Protein backbone atom coordinates (compact mmCIF):
# COMPACT_ATOMS: atom_id res chain seq x y z
CA MET A 1 34.32 30.34 59.66
CA THR A 2 31.35 30.58 57.51
CA VAL A 3 30.96 29.33 54.23
CA THR A 4 28.82 30.27 51.39
CA LYS A 5 28.10 27.84 48.31
CA GLU A 6 27.62 29.03 45.03
CA THR A 7 26.82 27.00 41.74
CA THR A 8 27.07 27.80 38.38
CA ASP A 9 26.92 26.89 34.82
CA TRP A 10 30.42 26.13 34.51
CA GLY A 11 31.28 24.56 38.55
CA VAL A 12 30.66 25.41 42.58
CA VAL A 13 32.31 28.35 43.97
CA TYR A 14 32.39 27.96 47.81
CA TYR A 15 33.02 31.37 49.95
CA TYR A 16 35.04 31.33 53.20
CA LYS A 17 35.09 34.38 55.69
CA ASN A 18 35.37 35.29 59.12
CA GLU A 19 37.69 37.88 60.90
CA TYR A 20 40.72 37.18 60.05
CA CYS A 21 41.08 36.14 56.28
CA ARG A 22 38.76 35.27 53.23
CA PHE A 23 39.51 32.59 49.81
CA ALA A 24 37.51 30.80 48.10
CA LEU A 25 37.83 27.35 46.46
CA TYR A 26 35.73 26.08 43.78
CA THR A 27 35.79 23.66 40.96
CA TYR A 28 34.48 22.84 37.41
CA ASN A 29 31.91 20.68 35.57
CA ASP A 30 34.30 19.11 33.27
CA ASP A 31 37.35 18.50 36.16
CA LYS A 32 37.05 16.05 38.93
CA ASN A 33 40.32 15.75 40.45
CA THR A 34 41.27 19.33 40.64
CA MET A 35 40.13 22.09 43.34
CA TYR A 36 41.01 25.45 42.84
CA LEU A 37 42.13 27.97 45.62
CA SER A 38 41.73 31.90 44.80
CA ASN A 39 41.37 34.90 46.41
CA VAL A 40 43.55 34.49 49.36
CA LYS A 41 43.46 37.13 51.78
CA VAL A 42 44.36 37.32 56.18
CA GLU A 43 43.87 41.08 57.45
CA GLN A 44 47.60 43.00 58.52
CA SER A 45 46.36 42.94 62.09
CA ALA A 46 46.34 39.06 61.67
CA ARG A 47 49.33 38.15 59.87
CA GLY A 48 51.75 35.59 61.24
CA ARG A 49 49.68 33.77 63.52
CA GLY A 50 49.43 30.99 61.11
CA ILE A 51 46.23 31.68 60.14
CA GLY A 52 47.89 31.16 55.80
CA ASN A 53 48.82 27.86 56.96
CA LYS A 54 45.68 26.97 58.35
CA ILE A 55 43.75 28.30 55.13
CA LEU A 56 45.89 25.60 53.15
CA GLU A 57 45.08 22.89 56.02
CA LEU A 58 41.70 23.60 55.39
CA ALA A 59 41.71 23.92 51.38
CA ASP A 60 43.57 20.16 51.33
CA LYS A 61 40.65 19.33 53.94
CA GLU A 62 37.56 20.38 51.68
CA ALA A 63 39.48 19.33 48.57
CA LYS A 64 39.76 15.55 49.89
CA LYS A 65 36.48 15.50 51.34
CA TYR A 66 34.86 15.97 47.86
CA ASN A 67 37.08 13.45 46.40
CA TYR A 68 39.50 16.09 44.18
CA THR A 69 43.01 14.29 44.12
CA VAL A 70 44.87 18.16 43.55
CA ILE A 71 44.77 21.87 44.37
CA CYS A 72 46.17 24.90 41.74
CA LEU A 73 46.03 28.65 42.27
CA LYS A 74 47.77 31.35 40.80
CA VAL A 75 50.32 33.66 42.02
CA ILE A 76 52.67 36.39 40.74
CA LYS A 77 56.23 34.77 40.18
CA SER A 78 58.59 37.09 42.09
CA SER A 79 56.10 37.79 45.10
CA TRP A 80 57.13 35.59 48.53
CA VAL A 81 53.92 34.26 48.46
CA HIS A 82 55.12 32.25 45.43
CA ASP A 83 58.16 30.84 48.04
CA TRP A 84 55.44 30.48 51.04
CA TYR A 85 53.09 27.95 49.21
CA ALA A 86 56.27 26.43 47.45
CA ASN A 87 57.33 25.95 50.97
CA HIS A 88 53.75 24.50 51.22
CA GLY A 89 54.33 22.06 48.68
CA TYR A 90 52.75 24.14 45.66
CA SER A 91 55.09 23.56 42.28
CA ASP A 92 55.39 25.42 39.34
CA PHE A 93 53.26 23.91 36.73
CA CYS A 94 52.55 26.62 33.76
CA TYR A 95 53.11 30.25 32.80
CA ASP A 96 49.39 32.30 32.65
CA HIS A 97 49.50 32.71 28.59
CA GLU A 98 48.35 35.98 29.59
CA ASP A 99 50.57 37.54 31.58
CA ALA A 100 54.51 35.80 32.05
CA ALA A 101 54.36 37.50 35.28
CA TYR A 102 51.60 34.62 37.02
CA VAL A 103 52.77 31.03 37.23
CA TRP A 104 50.03 28.00 38.10
CA MET A 105 51.14 26.11 41.15
CA LYS A 106 49.83 22.98 42.10
CA HIS A 107 49.41 20.69 45.42
CA THR A 108 48.87 16.61 44.73
CA LEU A 109 46.93 15.41 47.63
């Protein structure tokens, strides 16, 4: 897995990628507790092999490594992936104010 780090004016973004998947973890300078998971994609040909589970395990490990205590993500409330995250310890905590179809979920480490 290759990891690329980008430092911005507002925080840090870590991009993770291999031939089967990609995702990003990012942080904001003004929030020392929360790491955000985004842009998760597992290639169609690699689905069903537990790669998504490994992404969540790696996200937990990385957040702990940098002393974050919560991981947040945004997902479509009615999607199967919402239920998948819920089955992996994520819970709804607020709706997106710009698009009510989306909900923010969090996982406390």
